[in-house]
Structure formats: structure tokens, C-alpha cells
Protein backbone atom coordinates (compact mmCIF):
# COMPACT_ATOMS: atom_id res chain seq x y z
CA MET A 1 122.92 79.72 79.57
CA ASP A 2 119.65 81.49 80.35
CA ILE A 3 119.98 83.47 83.58
CA GLY A 4 116.32 84.53 83.41
CA GLY A 5 115.31 81.31 85.15
CA ILE A 6 117.37 82.07 88.27
CA SER A 7 114.85 83.50 90.71
CA LEU A 8 117.40 85.57 92.66
CA LEU A 9 118.49 87.40 89.53
CA LYS A 10 114.90 87.76 88.33
CA VAL A 11 113.80 89.35 91.60
CA ALA A 12 116.91 91.57 91.66
CA GLY A 13 116.10 92.76 88.14
CA GLN A 14 112.48 93.45 89.07
CA ARG A 15 113.61 95.35 92.17
CA LEU A 16 116.03 97.46 90.10
CA GLU A 17 113.21 98.31 87.67
CA TYR A 18 110.93 99.21 90.58
CA LEU A 19 113.59 101.46 92.14
CA ALA A 20 114.21 103.23 88.81
CA GLN A 21 110.46 103.90 88.46
CA ARG A 22 110.28 105.13 92.06
CA HIS A 23 113.20 107.46 91.44
CA GLN A 24 111.34 108.89 88.44
CA VAL A 25 108.18 109.46 90.55
CA ILE A 26 110.23 111.17 93.28
CA ALA A 27 111.87 113.44 90.69
CA GLU A 28 108.42 114.33 89.33
CA ASN A 29 107.27 115.22 92.85
CA VAL A 30 110.30 117.46 93.40
CA VAL A 31 109.79 119.22 90.06
CA ASN A 32 106.17 119.95 91.01
CA ALA A 33 106.93 121.10 94.56
CA ASN A 34 105.64 124.60 93.80
CA THR A 35 102.69 123.61 91.59
CA PRO A 36 99.41 124.58 93.27
CA GLY A 37 97.11 121.62 93.89
CA TYR A 38 99.73 119.00 93.01
CA LEU A 39 99.43 115.85 95.12
CA ALA A 40 102.62 113.91 95.84
CA LYS A 41 102.76 110.43 94.34
CA ASP A 42 104.56 107.26 95.29
CA LEU A 43 104.61 103.67 94.09
CA LYS A 44 103.01 100.80 95.94
CA PRO A 45 105.53 98.91 98.10
CA PHE A 46 107.65 96.23 96.43
CA ASP A 47 106.33 93.62 98.90
CA GLY A 48 103.70 92.47 96.38
CA ILE A 49 106.33 90.92 94.10
CA MET A 50 108.06 89.22 97.00
CA ASN A 51 104.77 87.81 98.31
CA SER A 52 103.99 86.29 94.91
CA LEU A 53 107.12 84.08 94.99
CA ARG A 54 106.96 80.47 95.99
CA PRO A 55 107.70 80.33 99.73
CA VAL A 56 110.83 78.59 100.93
CA THR A 57 110.11 75.76 103.33
CA THR A 58 112.44 73.67 105.45
CA ALA A 59 112.55 69.91 105.38
CA GLN A 60 113.03 67.90 108.56
CA THR A 61 115.38 65.12 107.48
CA ASP A 62 116.20 63.92 110.99
CA ALA A 63 114.04 63.57 114.10
CA ARG A 64 116.56 65.68 116.04
CA HIS A 65 116.07 68.72 113.79
CA PHE A 66 114.10 71.68 115.06
CA THR A 67 110.80 72.53 113.43
CA VAL A 68 109.39 75.99 112.81
CA SER A 69 105.71 76.62 113.23
CA ALA A 70 103.86 78.44 110.45
CA ALA A 71 102.75 81.16 112.87
CA GLY A 72 106.33 82.13 113.67
CA SER A 73 107.41 82.46 110.05
CA THR A 74 105.03 85.20 108.93
CA ALA A 75 106.78 88.38 109.99
CA GLN A 76 105.36 91.57 108.54
CA GLU A 77 106.77 95.04 108.99
CA ALA A 78 104.24 97.39 110.55
CA ARG A 79 103.97 100.53 108.45
CA ARG A 80 102.70 103.74 109.97
CA ALA A 81 100.92 106.36 107.94
CA GLU A 82 102.96 109.30 106.75
CA SER A 83 101.81 112.56 108.27
CA TRP A 84 103.24 115.44 106.25
CA GLU A 85 101.72 118.88 105.82
CA VAL A 86 99.69 120.11 102.88
CA ALA A 87 100.42 123.68 101.79
CA PRO A 88 97.59 126.24 101.73
CA ASP A 89 97.61 126.08 97.91
CA GLY A 90 96.82 122.34 98.06
CA ASN A 91 100.32 121.10 97.23
CA SER A 92 101.21 118.01 99.28
CA VAL A 93 104.88 117.70 98.26
CA SER A 94 107.31 117.88 101.16
CA LEU A 95 110.86 118.30 99.91
CA GLU A 96 112.22 116.78 103.12
CA GLN A 97 110.09 113.67 102.61
CA GLU A 98 111.07 113.42 98.95
CA MET A 99 114.78 113.71 99.79
CA MET A 100 114.40 110.94 102.39
CA LYS A 101 112.66 108.75 99.80
CA ALA A 102 115.37 109.52 97.25
CA SER A 103 118.09 108.57 99.73
CA GLU A 104 116.33 105.30 100.63
CA THR A 105 115.86 104.52 96.94
CA ARG A 106 119.53 105.21 96.15
CA GLU A 107 120.70 103.00 99.03
CA ALA A 108 118.37 100.17 97.98
CA TYR A 109 119.53 100.50 94.35
CA THR A 110 123.17 100.31 95.41
CA LEU A 111 122.50 97.24 97.55
CA VAL A 112 120.54 95.37 94.88
CA SER A 113 122.95 96.23 92.06
CA SER A 114 125.85 95.03 94.22
CA LEU A 115 124.01 91.79 94.95
CA TYR A 116 123.29 91.36 91.23
CA GLN A 117 126.96 91.95 90.31
CA LYS A 118 128.21 89.51 92.95
CA SER A 119 125.75 86.86 91.77
CA MET A 120 126.87 87.31 88.18
CA GLY A 121 130.49 87.03 89.32
CA MET A 122 129.75 83.75 91.07
CA LEU A 123 128.04 82.44 87.93
CA ARG A 124 131.08 83.41 85.83
CA VAL A 125 133.39 81.55 88.22
CA ALA A 126 131.12 78.49 88.20
CA TRP A 127 130.85 78.62 84.41
CA SER A 128 134.63 78.95 83.90
CA ALA A 129 135.34 76.15 86.40
CA ARG A 130 132.94 73.90 84.53
CA GLY A 131 134.83 74.38 81.25
CA ALA A 132 138.25 73.76 82.82
């Protein structure tokens, strides 16, 4: 059985890879916190991968079902610009900001890995029930 075709597991795997790369970038920022002229780095948001997926649409199979307009289904999170200080030596790394990013990344990694494990568990149950 090829689990690579299951979109949930594919996206979870891509998200885990993204979070591992982001953790590496955050660690690099922390290591260079005292390097003069070093500019803090971060990855582009993961939203790009999610936006590239085929959208899920609802089907109205009965006239009594509610319909959802296209305008109401496009919710986007408003992101405000980060405003952290730059040191006099040109270093833009803020350890507080990097620790917040690291915490967010760890929480997201825990959530996605848990989702991945639960999905694999459900597949194992379905696979063993099929053979019984």
C-alpha cells in the first residue's frame, strides 16, 4: 500500500519538513545573535503549500441543504509586520523573538506529528480489519 498518495499524510510530511527547516534557521539565528551585521532569517510561511492543494468543495445533494457563497469561504489571516529592534552593530537578531518562534515551531511539530501518528494508526486498523 502506497501511503504517498494520501493527501493528508503528504501535507503532514511536507509540514514536518518545513518545521524542521525552520527550526534549523532559528538555531542559526540564535548562534549568530552576537555577530555584527548579521540579519535574522526566517522561512516563507507554509501557506503556499496549502494554497496549492485542490480546494474542497461541497455538493448540494438536496434542495433543503444550505449553500456557501464563494466570498464567505476565503478566510485569510491578517499578518502584521514584525517590529523588533536592530542593534547598533547592525545585528537584527532578537533572542526573545527567536525563542517565541522556536516555541511556536515546537508546538506545531508536536501537533503535526501527533496527527500523522493517529492517521497511521487508523490506517493500520483499517488494513488489519480488511485482512480479517
